[in-house]
Amino acid sequence: MTHIATAADGRPVPWIESFGNEHDIVARLGMLAPRPEQWGIRIDGPRYERHGAWGHMLNEHYLREIERCQKRGRRPGGDGTAAPYERVAGSVEEADQAPRLFGYINGGIPD
């Protein structure tokens, strides 16, 4: 298993992905902050942004749109893309890799 971060007590953190809506004020203060290096903001793992989207509530503003774009009947896992999100420039990992989170759709087990 790949570990891309370490907890404060030295334990490895197995996976981190960050998702943010373009107009989510909380995401704009952290993972989508402009000029993060200037403010000392460092976000581990791949980051994904949904352009033109508002809101911070998980079910209403994030999960419903992921399900709408990714769920294909009862088949486990997503459709292999990052839709409705796009990889944020400068993120870790390959640019066209689908988020690992989407592999859990319909009881799937990601690689």
C-alpha atoms as a PDB file:
ATOM      1  CA  MET A   1       0.000   0.000   0.000  1.00  0.00           C
ATOM      2  CA  THR A   2       1.276   3.478  -0.833  1.00  0.00           C
ATOM      3  CA  HIS A   3       1.519   5.944   2.033  1.00  0.00           C
ATOM      4  CA  ILE A   4       1.714   9.567   1.005  1.00  0.00           C
ATOM      5  CA  ALA A   5       1.661  11.231   4.405  1.00  0.00           C
ATOM      6  CA  THR A   6       2.574  10.623   8.024  1.00  0.00           C
ATOM      7  CA  ALA A   7       0.451  11.461  11.057  1.00  0.00           C
ATOM      8  CA  ALA A   8       1.893  13.662  13.804  1.00  0.00           C
ATOM      9  CA  ASP A   9       2.636  10.584  15.924  1.00  0.00           C
ATOM     10  CA  GLY A  10       4.572   8.924  13.067  1.00  0.00           C
ATOM     11  CA  ARG A  11       1.879   6.499  11.900  1.00  0.00           C
ATOM     12  CA  PRO A  12       1.473   6.306   8.098  1.00  0.00           C
ATOM     13  CA  VAL A  13      -1.741   7.675   6.612  1.00  0.00           C
ATOM     14  CA  PRO A  14      -2.774   5.287   3.809  1.00  0.00           C
ATOM     15  CA  TRP A  15      -4.516   7.708   1.421  1.00  0.00           C
ATOM     16  CA  ILE A  16      -5.576  11.338   1.163  1.00  0.00           C
ATOM     17  CA  GLU A  17      -7.715  12.946  -1.553  1.00  0.00           C
ATOM     18  CA  SER A  18      -9.273  16.398  -1.370  1.00  0.00           C
ATOM     19  CA  PHE A  19     -12.400  17.547  -3.177  1.00  0.00           C
ATOM     20  CA  GLY A  20     -13.619  21.123  -3.394  1.00  0.00           C
ATOM     21  CA  ASN A  21     -16.319  23.068  -5.164  1.00  0.00           C
ATOM     22  CA  GLU A  22     -14.989  26.190  -6.867  1.00  0.00           C
ATOM     23  CA  HIS A  23     -17.226  28.507  -4.828  1.00  0.00           C
ATOM     24  CA  ASP A  24     -17.088  26.599  -1.508  1.00  0.00           C
ATOM     25  CA  ILE A  25     -15.642  29.167   0.904  1.00  0.00           C
ATOM     26  CA  VAL A  26     -14.133  26.476   3.151  1.00  0.00           C
ATOM     27  CA  ALA A  27     -12.331  24.858   0.195  1.00  0.00           C
ATOM     28  CA  ARG A  28     -11.141  28.321  -0.903  1.00  0.00           C
ATOM     29  CA  LEU A  29      -9.512  28.784   2.517  1.00  0.00           C
ATOM     30  CA  GLY A  30      -7.564  25.519   2.225  1.00  0.00           C
ATOM     31  CA  MET A  31      -7.202  23.125  -0.681  1.00  0.00           C
ATOM     32  CA  LEU A  32      -8.298  25.675  -3.325  1.00  0.00           C
ATOM     33  CA  ALA A  33      -6.602  28.708  -1.782  1.00  0.00           C
ATOM     34  CA  PRO A  34      -4.944  31.039  -4.286  1.00  0.00           C
ATOM     35  CA  ARG A  35      -1.137  31.126  -3.940  1.00  0.00           C
ATOM     36  CA  PRO A  36      -1.016  28.422  -1.221  1.00  0.00           C
ATOM     37  CA  GLU A  37       2.780  28.538  -0.989  1.00  0.00           C
ATOM     38  CA  GLN A  38       2.617  32.223  -0.044  1.00  0.00           C
ATOM     39  CA  TRP A  39       0.401  31.380   2.943  1.00  0.00           C
ATOM     40  CA  GLY A  40       2.223  28.201   3.962  1.00  0.00           C
ATOM     41  CA  ILE A  41      -0.640  25.915   2.907  1.00  0.00           C
ATOM     42  CA  ARG A  42       0.433  22.377   2.011  1.00  0.00           C
ATOM     43  CA  ILE A  43      -2.175  19.784   1.045  1.00  0.00           C
ATOM     44  CA  ASP A  44      -0.990  16.177   0.655  1.00  0.00           C
ATOM     45  CA  GLY A  45      -2.477  13.899  -1.969  1.00  0.00           C
ATOM     46  CA  PRO A  46      -4.343  14.609  -5.171  1.00  0.00           C
ATOM     47  CA  ARG A  47      -6.790  17.531  -5.191  1.00  0.00           C
ATOM     48  CA  TYR A  48      -9.953  17.738  -7.292  1.00  0.00           C
ATOM     49  CA  GLU A  49     -12.079  20.791  -8.090  1.00  0.00           C
ATOM     50  CA  ARG A  50     -15.614  21.025  -9.478  1.00  0.00           C
ATOM     51  CA  HIS A  51     -15.751  24.222 -11.525  1.00  0.00           C
ATOM     52  CA  GLY A  52     -18.782  26.474 -11.185  1.00  0.00           C
ATOM     53  CA  ALA A  53     -20.129  24.593  -8.153  1.00  0.00           C
ATOM     54  CA  TRP A  54     -21.234  26.116  -4.841  1.00  0.00           C
ATOM     55  CA  GLY A  55     -21.800  24.768  -1.365  1.00  0.00           C
ATOM     56  CA  HIS A  56     -20.041  22.930   1.418  1.00  0.00           C
ATOM     57  CA  MET A  57     -22.605  20.355   2.604  1.00  0.00           C
ATOM     58  CA  LEU A  58     -21.300  16.845   1.888  1.00  0.00           C
ATOM     59  CA  ASN A  59     -24.530  15.113   0.861  1.00  0.00           C
ATOM     60  CA  GLU A  60     -26.177  18.005  -0.971  1.00  0.00           C
ATOM     61  CA  HIS A  61     -23.227  19.677  -2.686  1.00  0.00           C
ATOM     62  CA  TYR A  62     -20.725  16.849  -3.166  1.00  0.00           C
ATOM     63  CA  LEU A  63     -22.056  13.270  -2.989  1.00  0.00           C
ATOM     64  CA  ARG A  64     -25.198  13.739  -5.080  1.00  0.00           C
ATOM     65  CA  GLU A  65     -23.225  15.090  -8.036  1.00  0.00           C
ATOM     66  CA  ILE A  66     -20.578  12.361  -7.710  1.00  0.00           C
ATOM     67  CA  GLU A  67     -23.319   9.730  -7.748  1.00  0.00           C
ATOM     68  CA  ARG A  68     -25.052  11.351 -10.730  1.00  0.00           C
ATOM     69  CA  CYS A  69     -21.839  11.357 -12.777  1.00  0.00           C
ATOM     70  CA  GLN A  70     -20.241   8.113 -11.587  1.00  0.00           C
ATOM     71  CA  LYS A  71     -22.938   5.549 -10.777  1.00  0.00           C
ATOM     72  CA  ARG A  72     -23.674   3.178 -13.627  1.00  0.00           C
ATOM     73  CA  GLY A  73     -26.498   0.871 -12.533  1.00  0.00           C
ATOM     74  CA  ARG A  74     -25.412  -1.650  -9.914  1.00  0.00           C
ATOM     75  CA  ARG A  75     -21.844  -2.136 -11.175  1.00  0.00           C
ATOM     76  CA  PRO A  76     -19.217  -1.685  -8.417  1.00  0.00           C
ATOM     77  CA  GLY A  77     -16.860   1.274  -8.775  1.00  0.00           C
ATOM     78  CA  GLY A  78     -17.061   4.502 -10.727  1.00  0.00           C
ATOM     79  CA  ASP A  79     -16.740   5.023 -14.458  1.00  0.00           C
ATOM     80  CA  GLY A  80     -12.931   5.436 -14.376  1.00  0.00           C
ATOM     81  CA  THR A  81     -12.920   9.220 -14.744  1.00  0.00           C
ATOM     82  CA  ALA A  82     -12.709  12.106 -12.290  1.00  0.00           C
ATOM     83  CA  ALA A  83     -16.081  13.572 -13.430  1.00  0.00           C
ATOM     84  CA  PRO A  84     -17.620  15.861 -12.164  1.00  0.00           C
ATOM     85  CA  TYR A  85     -14.232  16.996 -10.804  1.00  0.00           C
ATOM     86  CA  GLU A  86     -10.969  17.918 -12.497  1.00  0.00           C
ATOM     87  CA  ARG A  87      -7.487  17.418 -11.078  1.00  0.00           C
ATOM     88  CA  VAL A  88      -6.047  20.634  -9.645  1.00  0.00           C
ATOM     89  CA  ALA A  89      -2.767  21.649 -11.301  1.00  0.00           C
ATOM     90  CA  GLY A  90       0.213  20.699  -9.175  1.00  0.00           C
ATOM     91  CA  SER A  91      -1.556  17.767  -7.485  1.00  0.00           C
ATOM     92  CA  VAL A  92       0.286  14.573  -6.672  1.00  0.00           C
ATOM     93  CA  GLU A  93      -0.074  11.478  -8.922  1.00  0.00           C
ATOM     94  CA  GLU A  94      -0.964  11.207 -12.608  1.00  0.00           C
ATOM     95  CA  ALA A  95      -3.212  13.935 -14.007  1.00  0.00           C
ATOM     96  CA  ASP A  96      -5.823  11.624 -15.544  1.00  0.00           C
ATOM     97  CA  GLN A  97      -6.135   9.145 -12.674  1.00  0.00           C
ATOM     98  CA  ALA A  98      -9.670   8.722 -11.325  1.00  0.00           C
ATOM     99  CA  PRO A  99     -10.109   9.478  -7.605  1.00  0.00           C
ATOM    100  CA  ARG A 100      -9.782   6.404  -5.413  1.00  0.00           C
ATOM    101  CA  LEU A 101     -12.956   7.453  -3.561  1.00  0.00           C
ATOM    102  CA  PHE A 102     -15.014   6.712  -6.673  1.00  0.00           C
ATOM    103  CA  GLY A 103     -13.908   3.050  -6.590  1.00  0.00           C
ATOM    104  CA  TYR A 104     -16.109   2.519  -3.500  1.00  0.00           C
ATOM    105  CA  ILE A 105     -19.345   3.282  -5.377  1.00  0.00           C
ATOM    106  CA  ASN A 106     -21.873   0.383  -5.172  1.00  0.00           C
ATOM    107  CA  GLY A 107     -19.621  -1.548  -2.788  1.00  0.00           C
ATOM    108  CA  GLY A 108     -16.584  -1.537  -5.060  1.00  0.00           C
ATOM    109  CA  ILE A 109     -13.071  -2.111  -3.720  1.00  0.00           C
ATOM    110  CA  PRO A 110     -10.438   0.246  -5.144  1.00  0.00           C
ATOM    111  CA  ASP A 111      -6.975  -1.015  -6.106  1.00  0.00           C
END
